[in-house]
Amino acid sequence: MKNRVITISREFGSGGYTIGKKVAEKLGIPCYDSEIIQEMAKETGFVPDYIKFLHTPGWSSGF
């Protein structure tokens, strides 16, 4: 089986979480939300807020 990654950008109240869960269920693939941040924090030793900050669009615009 091929590895698949589907990214859904969303805004508060858009229903993106529900849509993502349903798409993953339909395709038979796992759906990750904040779980992926927690796993990255555990593996790297960084706090979750730092990982979220690094994955925020535009965070490096000052460099």
Foldseek 3Di string as FASTA:
>chain_A
DDDDDDDDDDDPPPCRVVVQVVVCVVVVHDGDDCVVLVVVCVVPVNDSVVVVLVVDPPSPVVD
